[in-house]
C-alpha atoms as a PDB file:
ATOM      1  CA  MET A   1      59.878-130.213  -8.459  1.00  0.00           C
ATOM      2  CA  GLU A   2      57.690-128.039 -10.522  1.00  0.00           C
ATOM      3  CA  THR A   3      57.321-124.378  -9.859  1.00  0.00           C
ATOM      4  CA  SER A   4      54.040-122.529 -10.423  1.00  0.00           C
ATOM      5  CA  PRO A   5      54.191-119.782 -12.933  1.00  0.00           C
ATOM      6  CA  VAL A   6      54.224-116.302 -11.426  1.00  0.00           C
ATOM      7  CA  PRO A   7      51.204-114.365 -12.599  1.00  0.00           C
ATOM      8  CA  GLU A   8      52.032-111.318 -14.525  1.00  0.00           C
ATOM      9  CA  GLU A   9      51.325-108.044 -12.709  1.00  0.00           C
ATOM     10  CA  GLN A  10      48.449-106.223 -14.302  1.00  0.00           C
ATOM     11  CA  PRO A  11      48.952-102.531 -14.701  1.00  0.00           C
ATOM     12  CA  SER A  12      46.417-100.380 -12.712  1.00  0.00           C
ATOM     13  CA  PRO A  13      43.817 -98.609 -14.826  1.00  0.00           C
ATOM     14  CA  PRO A  14      44.743 -95.034 -15.633  1.00  0.00           C
ATOM     15  CA  SER A  15      43.067 -92.172 -13.679  1.00  0.00           C
ATOM     16  CA  PRO A  16      40.426 -90.202 -15.481  1.00  0.00           C
ATOM     17  CA  PRO A  17      42.041 -87.283 -17.152  1.00  0.00           C
ATOM     18  CA  HIS A  18      41.565 -83.715 -15.826  1.00  0.00           C
ATOM     19  CA  ARG A  19      39.800 -84.815 -12.633  1.00  0.00           C
ATOM     20  CA  ALA A  20      41.452 -82.141 -10.565  1.00  0.00           C
ATOM     21  CA  TRP A  21      40.673 -79.475 -13.113  1.00  0.00           C
ATOM     22  CA  GLN A  22      36.949 -80.521 -13.212  1.00  0.00           C
ATOM     23  CA  TRP A  23      36.701 -80.214  -9.443  1.00  0.00           C
ATOM     24  CA  ASN A  24      38.238 -76.792  -9.532  1.00  0.00           C
ATOM     25  CA  VAL A  25      35.698 -75.611 -12.182  1.00  0.00           C
ATOM     26  CA  ASP A  26      32.792 -76.821 -10.068  1.00  0.00           C
ATOM     27  CA  LYS A  27      34.176 -75.073  -7.043  1.00  0.00           C
ATOM     28  CA  VAL A  28      34.659 -71.820  -9.034  1.00  0.00           C
ATOM     29  CA  ILE A  29      31.095 -72.046 -10.371  1.00  0.00           C
ATOM     30  CA  SER A  30      29.702 -72.661  -6.825  1.00  0.00           C
ATOM     31  CA  ILE A  31      31.707 -69.758  -5.421  1.00  0.00           C
ATOM     32  CA  THR A  32      30.683 -67.563  -8.313  1.00  0.00           C
ATOM     33  CA  ALA A  33      27.017 -68.451  -7.787  1.00  0.00           C
ATOM     34  CA  LEU A  34      27.391 -67.749  -4.064  1.00  0.00           C
ATOM     35  CA  CYS A  35      29.004 -64.393  -4.841  1.00  0.00           C
ATOM     36  CA  VAL A  36      26.221 -63.493  -7.307  1.00  0.00           C
ATOM     37  CA  SER A  37      23.568 -64.520  -4.764  1.00  0.00           C
ATOM     38  CA  LEU A  38      25.294 -62.472  -2.076  1.00  0.00           C
ATOM     39  CA  GLY A  39      25.632 -59.456  -4.419  1.00  0.00           C
ATOM     40  CA  THR A  40      21.959 -59.804  -5.393  1.00  0.00           C
ATOM     41  CA  PHE A  41      20.978 -59.891  -1.736  1.00  0.00           C
ATOM     42  CA  ILE A  42      23.090 -56.788  -1.002  1.00  0.00           C
ATOM     43  CA  ILE A  43      21.636 -54.954  -3.967  1.00  0.00           C
ATOM     44  CA  PHE A  44      18.093 -55.987  -3.039  1.00  0.00           C
ATOM     45  CA  SER A  45      18.723 -54.904   0.591  1.00  0.00           C
ATOM     46  CA  TYR A  46      20.059 -51.565  -0.624  1.00  0.00           C
ATOM     47  CA  GLN A  47      17.103 -51.070  -2.981  1.00  0.00           C
ATOM     48  CA  THR A  48      14.712 -51.965  -0.208  1.00  0.00           C
ATOM     49  CA  ARG A  49      16.385 -49.487   2.174  1.00  0.00           C
ATOM     50  CA  LEU A  50      16.392 -46.870  -0.560  1.00  0.00           C
ATOM     51  CA  LEU A  51      12.689 -47.498  -1.255  1.00  0.00           C
ATOM     52  CA  HIS A  52      11.960 -47.308   2.444  1.00  0.00           C
ATOM     53  CA  ASP A  53      13.861 -43.969   2.676  1.00  0.00           C
ATOM     54  CA  GLN A  54      12.024 -42.609  -0.336  1.00  0.00           C
ATOM     55  CA  THR A  55       8.687 -43.686   1.099  1.00  0.00           C
ATOM     56  CA  GLN A  56       9.480 -42.085   4.405  1.00  0.00           C
ATOM     57  CA  PHE A  57      10.616 -38.899   2.623  1.00  0.00           C
ATOM     58  CA  LEU A  58       7.298 -38.816   0.649  1.00  0.00           C
ATOM     59  CA  ARG A  59       5.397 -39.319   3.854  1.00  0.00           C
ATOM     60  CA  ASP A  60       7.272 -36.479   5.524  1.00  0.00           C
ATOM     61  CA  GLN A  61       6.655 -34.284   2.488  1.00  0.00           C
ATOM     62  CA  THR A  62       2.944 -35.170   2.491  1.00  0.00           C
ATOM     63  CA  LYS A  63       2.746 -34.472   6.230  1.00  0.00           C
ATOM     64  CA  LEU A  64       4.465 -31.147   5.735  1.00  0.00           C
ATOM     65  CA  GLN A  65       2.173 -30.261   2.843  1.00  0.00           C
ATOM     66  CA  ASN A  66      -0.927 -31.231   4.928  1.00  0.00           C
ATOM     67  CA  GLN A  67       0.361 -28.998   7.802  1.00  0.00           C
ATOM     68  CA  GLN A  68       0.991 -26.130   5.357  1.00  0.00           C
ATOM     69  CA  THR A  69      -2.501 -26.622   3.883  1.00  0.00           C
ATOM     70  CA  GLN A  70      -4.073 -26.742   7.358  1.00  0.00           C
ATOM     71  CA  LEU A  71      -2.178 -23.598   8.302  1.00  0.00           C
ATOM     72  CA  LEU A  72      -3.338 -21.877   5.191  1.00  0.00           C
ATOM     73  CA  GLN A  73      -6.953 -22.907   5.813  1.00  0.00           C
ATOM     74  CA  ASN A  74      -6.756 -21.684   9.388  1.00  0.00           C
ATOM     75  CA  GLN A  75      -5.382 -18.360   8.176  1.00  0.00           C
ATOM     76  CA  GLN A  76      -8.162 -18.087   5.586  1.00  0.00           C
ATOM     77  CA  GLN A  77     -10.776 -18.940   8.157  1.00  0.00           C
ATOM     78  CA  ALA A  78      -9.362 -16.384  10.582  1.00  0.00           C
ATOM     79  CA  TYR A  79      -9.351 -13.807   7.795  1.00  0.00           C
ATOM     80  CA  LEU A  80     -12.910 -14.654   6.826  1.00  0.00           C
ATOM     81  CA  LYS A  81     -14.059 -14.492  10.446  1.00  0.00           C
ATOM     82  CA  GLN A  82     -12.406 -11.075  10.771  1.00  0.00           C
ATOM     83  CA  GLN A  83     -14.074  -9.926   7.521  1.00  0.00           C
ATOM     84  CA  TYR A  84     -17.461 -11.295   8.665  1.00  0.00           C
ATOM     85  CA  ALA A  85     -17.064  -9.688  12.089  1.00  0.00           C
ATOM     86  CA  SER A  86     -16.239  -6.367  10.506  1.00  0.00           C
ATOM     87  CA  VAL A  87     -19.641  -6.182   8.774  1.00  0.00           C
ATOM     88  CA  MET A  88     -21.872  -8.117  11.284  1.00  0.00           C
ATOM     89  CA  PRO A  89     -25.224  -6.609  11.891  1.00  0.00           C
ATOM     90  CA  TYR A  90     -26.960  -6.879  15.341  1.00  0.00           C
ATOM     91  CA  LEU A  91     -30.646  -6.100  15.526  1.00  0.00           C
ATOM     92  CA  GLU A  92     -32.482  -5.387  18.772  1.00  0.00           C
ATOM     93  CA  VAL A  93     -36.028  -4.202  19.522  1.00  0.00           C
ATOM     94  CA  TRP A  94     -36.964  -2.133  22.546  1.00  0.00           C
ATOM     95  CA  ASN A  95     -39.671   0.159  23.851  1.00  0.00           C
ATOM     96  CA  SER A  96     -39.438   3.841  24.715  1.00  0.00           C
ATOM     97  CA  GLN A  97     -42.461   4.939  26.683  1.00  0.00           C
ATOM     98  CA  ALA A  98     -43.993   7.424  29.076  1.00  0.00           C
ATOM     99  CA  HIS A  99     -47.550   8.191  30.035  1.00  0.00           C
ATOM    100  CA  ASP A 100     -48.136  10.236  26.880  1.00  0.00           C
ATOM    101  CA  TYR A 101     -46.212   8.287  24.245  1.00  0.00           C
ATOM    102  CA  PHE A 102     -45.094   4.836  23.259  1.00  0.00           C
ATOM    103  CA  LYS A 103     -42.456   3.811  20.699  1.00  0.00           C
ATOM    104  CA  PHE A 104     -41.567   0.333  19.443  1.00  0.00           C
ATOM    105  CA  ILE A 105     -38.096   0.660  18.003  1.00  0.00           C
ATOM    106  CA  LEU A 106     -35.782  -1.508  15.951  1.00  0.00           C
ATOM    107  CA  THR A 107     -32.035  -0.699  16.177  1.00  0.00           C
ATOM    108  CA  ASN A 108     -29.081  -2.052  14.331  1.00  0.00           C
ATOM    109  CA  ASN A 109     -26.329  -2.040  16.940  1.00  0.00           C
ATOM    110  CA  GLY A 110     -23.876  -3.940  14.722  1.00  0.00           C
ATOM    111  CA  VAL A 111     -21.147  -2.711  12.455  1.00  0.00           C
ATOM    112  CA  GLY A 112     -22.682  -3.734   9.139  1.00  0.00           C
ATOM    113  CA  PRO A 113     -26.013  -3.412   7.349  1.00  0.00           C
ATOM    114  CA  ALA A 114     -28.807  -5.941   8.019  1.00  0.00           C
ATOM    115  CA  PHE A 115     -30.767  -7.297   5.066  1.00  0.00           C
ATOM    116  CA  ILE A 116     -34.270  -8.172   6.217  1.00  0.00           C
ATOM    117  CA  ARG A 117     -35.274 -11.633   5.048  1.00  0.00           C
ATOM    118  CA  GLU A 118     -38.476 -12.318   6.973  1.00  0.00           C
ATOM    119  CA  VAL A 119     -40.706 -10.546   9.490  1.00  0.00           C
ATOM    120  CA  ARG A 120     -43.396 -12.353  11.491  1.00  0.00           C
ATOM    121  CA  MET A 121     -45.542 -11.773  14.558  1.00  0.00           C
ATOM    122  CA  HIS A 122     -46.282 -14.478  17.146  1.00  0.00           C
ATOM    123  CA  TYR A 123     -49.595 -13.953  18.915  1.00  0.00           C
ATOM    124  CA  ARG A 124     -51.692 -16.474  20.851  1.00  0.00           C
ATOM    125  CA  ASP A 125     -50.265 -19.590  19.226  1.00  0.00           C
ATOM    126  CA  THR A 126     -50.640 -18.062  15.760  1.00  0.00           C
ATOM    127  CA  VAL A 127     -47.887 -16.777  13.507  1.00  0.00           C
ATOM    128  CA  TYR A 128     -48.651 -13.814  11.227  1.00  0.00           C
ATOM    129  CA  ALA A 129     -46.430 -13.028   8.239  1.00  0.00           C
ATOM    130  CA  LEU A 130     -46.861  -9.308   8.995  1.00  0.00           C
ATOM    131  CA  ASP A 131     -44.735  -6.500  10.370  1.00  0.00           C
ATOM    132  CA  PRO A 132     -45.854  -4.763  13.600  1.00  0.00           C
ATOM    133  CA  ALA A 133     -47.891  -2.013  11.796  1.00  0.00           C
ATOM    134  CA  ASN A 134     -49.866  -4.399   9.608  1.00  0.00           C
ATOM    135  CA  PHE A 135     -50.204  -6.792  12.487  1.00  0.00           C
ATOM    136  CA  LEU A 136     -51.883  -4.176  14.655  1.00  0.00           C
ATOM    137  CA  GLU A 137     -54.205  -3.175  11.754  1.00  0.00           C
ATOM    138  CA  LYS A 138     -55.245  -6.809  11.419  1.00  0.00           C
ATOM    139  CA  VAL A 139     -55.693  -8.094  14.988  1.00  0.00           C
ATOM    140  CA  LEU A 140     -56.585  -5.085  17.171  1.00  0.00           C
ATOM    141  CA  PRO A 141     -60.219  -5.349  18.313  1.00  0.00           C
ATOM    142  CA  ASP A 142     -62.460  -2.409  17.658  1.00  0.00           C
ATOM    143  CA  SER A 143     -62.455  -1.468  21.351  1.00  0.00           C
ATOM    144  CA  LEU A 144     -58.690  -1.004  21.247  1.00  0.00           C
ATOM    145  CA  ARG A 145     -58.372   0.663  17.869  1.00  0.00           C
ATOM    146  CA  ILE A 146     -55.736   3.408  17.937  1.00  0.00           C
ATOM    147  CA  ASN A 147     -54.101   5.940  15.669  1.00  0.00           C
ATOM    148  CA  PHE A 148     -50.385   5.584  15.353  1.00  0.00           C
ATOM    149  CA  VAL A 149     -47.462   6.521  13.152  1.00  0.00           C
ATOM    150  CA  TYR A 150     -45.515   3.600  11.718  1.00  0.00           C
ATOM    151  CA  SER A 151     -42.644   2.522   9.601  1.00  0.00           C
ATOM    152  CA  ASN A 152     -43.010  -0.727   7.739  1.00  0.00           C
ATOM    153  CA  LEU A 153     -40.391  -3.426   8.079  1.00  0.00           C
ATOM    154  CA  GLU A 154     -40.694  -5.753   5.145  1.00  0.00           C
ATOM    155  CA  PRO A 155     -38.426  -8.359   3.517  1.00  0.00           C
ATOM    156  CA  GLY A 156     -35.870  -6.683   1.305  1.00  0.00           C
ATOM    157  CA  ARG A 157     -35.384  -3.696   3.459  1.00  0.00           C
ATOM    158  CA  VAL A 158     -31.867  -2.767   4.492  1.00  0.00           C
ATOM    159  CA  VAL A 159     -31.136  -1.454   7.983  1.00  0.00           C
ATOM    160  CA  PRO A 160     -27.759   0.343   8.028  1.00  0.00           C
ATOM    161  CA  ALA A 161     -25.480   0.072  11.064  1.00  0.00           C
ATOM    162  CA  GLY A 162     -26.497   2.475  13.807  1.00  0.00           C
ATOM    163  CA  GLU A 163     -29.945   3.158  12.373  1.00  0.00           C
ATOM    164  CA  GLN A 164     -33.129   3.186  14.447  1.00  0.00           C
ATOM    165  CA  ILE A 165     -36.571   2.529  12.986  1.00  0.00           C
ATOM    166  CA  GLU A 166     -39.679   3.540  14.913  1.00  0.00           C
ATOM    167  CA  MET A 167     -41.915   0.740  13.814  1.00  0.00           C
ATOM    168  CA  ILE A 168     -44.836   1.985  16.001  1.00  0.00           C
ATOM    169  CA  TYR A 169     -45.285   5.413  17.535  1.00  0.00           C
ATOM    170  CA  VAL A 170     -48.312   6.383  19.615  1.00  0.00           C
ATOM    171  CA  SER A 171     -48.491   9.949  20.870  1.00  0.00           C
ATOM    172  CA  SER A 172     -51.834  10.051  22.735  1.00  0.00           C
ATOM    173  CA  PRO A 173     -52.010   9.205  26.449  1.00  0.00           C
ATOM    174  CA  ARG A 174     -55.424   7.590  25.951  1.00  0.00           C
ATOM    175  CA  GLU A 175     -54.246   5.453  23.036  1.00  0.00           C
ATOM    176  CA  VAL A 176     -51.065   4.551  24.956  1.00  0.00           C
ATOM    177  CA  ILE A 177     -53.287   2.963  27.572  1.00  0.00           C
ATOM    178  CA  LYS A 178     -55.157   1.005  24.885  1.00  0.00           C
ATOM    179  CA  LEU A 179     -51.949  -0.212  23.306  1.00  0.00           C
ATOM    180  CA  LYS A 180     -50.494  -1.326  26.622  1.00  0.00           C
ATOM    181  CA  THR A 181     -53.745  -3.170  27.334  1.00  0.00           C
ATOM    182  CA  PHE A 182     -53.271  -5.099  24.086  1.00  0.00           C
ATOM    183  CA  LEU A 183     -49.555  -5.749  24.739  1.00  0.00           C
ATOM    184  CA  GLN A 184     -50.452  -7.641  27.932  1.00  0.00           C
ATOM    185  CA  ALA A 185     -51.067 -10.614  25.627  1.00  0.00           C
ATOM    186  CA  GLN A 186     -47.308 -10.387  24.847  1.00  0.00           C
ATOM    187  CA  PRO A 187     -47.186 -10.516  21.066  1.00  0.00           C
ATOM    188  CA  GLN A 188     -43.618 -11.151  19.863  1.00  0.00           C
ATOM    189  CA  ILE A 189     -41.834 -10.068  16.720  1.00  0.00           C
ATOM    190  CA  GLU A 190     -39.574 -12.480  14.786  1.00  0.00           C
ATOM    191  CA  ILE A 191     -37.019 -11.095  12.365  1.00  0.00           C
ATOM    192  CA  ARG A 192     -34.668 -13.025  10.097  1.00  0.00           C
ATOM    193  CA  TYR A 193     -31.892 -11.000   8.626  1.00  0.00           C
ATOM    194  CA  ALA A 194     -28.542 -11.442   6.930  1.00  0.00           C
ATOM    195  CA  SER A 195     -25.184  -9.701   6.496  1.00  0.00           C
ATOM    196  CA  ILE A 196     -23.565  -8.821   3.184  1.00  0.00           C
ATOM    197  CA  TYR A 197     -21.851 -12.231   3.327  1.00  0.00           C
ATOM    198  CA  ASP A 198     -25.214 -14.018   3.670  1.00  0.00           C
ATOM    199  CA  GLU A 199     -24.694 -15.035   7.277  1.00  0.00           C
ATOM    200  CA  GLU A 200     -28.165 -15.219   8.756  1.00  0.00           C
ATOM    201  CA  TRP A 201     -29.588 -14.568  12.216  1.00  0.00           C
ATOM    202  CA  ARG A 202     -33.022 -14.967  13.841  1.00  0.00           C
ATOM    203  CA  MET A 203     -34.275 -12.607  16.483  1.00  0.00           C
ATOM    204  CA  LEU A 204     -37.423 -13.399  18.510  1.00  0.00           C
ATOM    205  CA  GLY A 205     -38.896 -10.841  20.810  1.00  0.00           C
ATOM    206  CA  TYR A 206     -36.425  -9.115  23.105  1.00  0.00           C
ATOM    207  CA  ASN A 207     -33.985 -12.063  23.023  1.00  0.00           C
ATOM    208  CA  PRO A 208     -30.515 -11.719  21.551  1.00  0.00           C
ATOM    209  CA  PRO A 209     -30.241 -12.784  17.920  1.00  0.00           C
ATOM    210  CA  GLU A 210     -29.232 -16.410  17.227  1.00  0.00           C
ATOM    211  CA  LYS A 211     -27.170 -17.386  14.211  1.00  0.00           C
ATOM    212  CA  VAL A 212     -28.935 -19.651  11.734  1.00  0.00           C
ATOM    213  CA  GLU A 213     -26.653 -22.454  10.540  1.00  0.00           C
END
């Protein structure tokens, strides 16, 4: 009886060298990369937070500076208003009259001088670039001609605070009647004047002055 030969046992192929070490290196690299990424994220987050804080700080500083600037401007405006008010002129016209005299008077009831810029007379839809004295000389009809004492009010004249100017003065009862007859047509004087700070006002007739913006 023949026996079959027993096949020889083949040795198993050897394992690749350093396999465990290679896996450990990959793992270390992965962990290192993860740590670097995490560190980068933390640094980026910190820088972002720092930038946000700096931006907020700058905004707060800008807001504070704006508030200080506004406060300074308000103080300056208040100071200027006080300065302007301390030298503000206030012109008014009025009549002083009786049966034997008539006065047309301009008064500066303000606290500063008034610099006359313009004087005009409004009469029957016509405007005359004249002061009251020259206006009467020009428009009075012969039947109402009168003799009067006057003081001219022309551009460039300065009216100090508290001063009165008798622009027209009639001292005859007969001529007072003539003048009052003419005044029934209600001529009106217009005066533009300024303060020493060049603030300007306009006065028309017996109305209070209005500031010219």
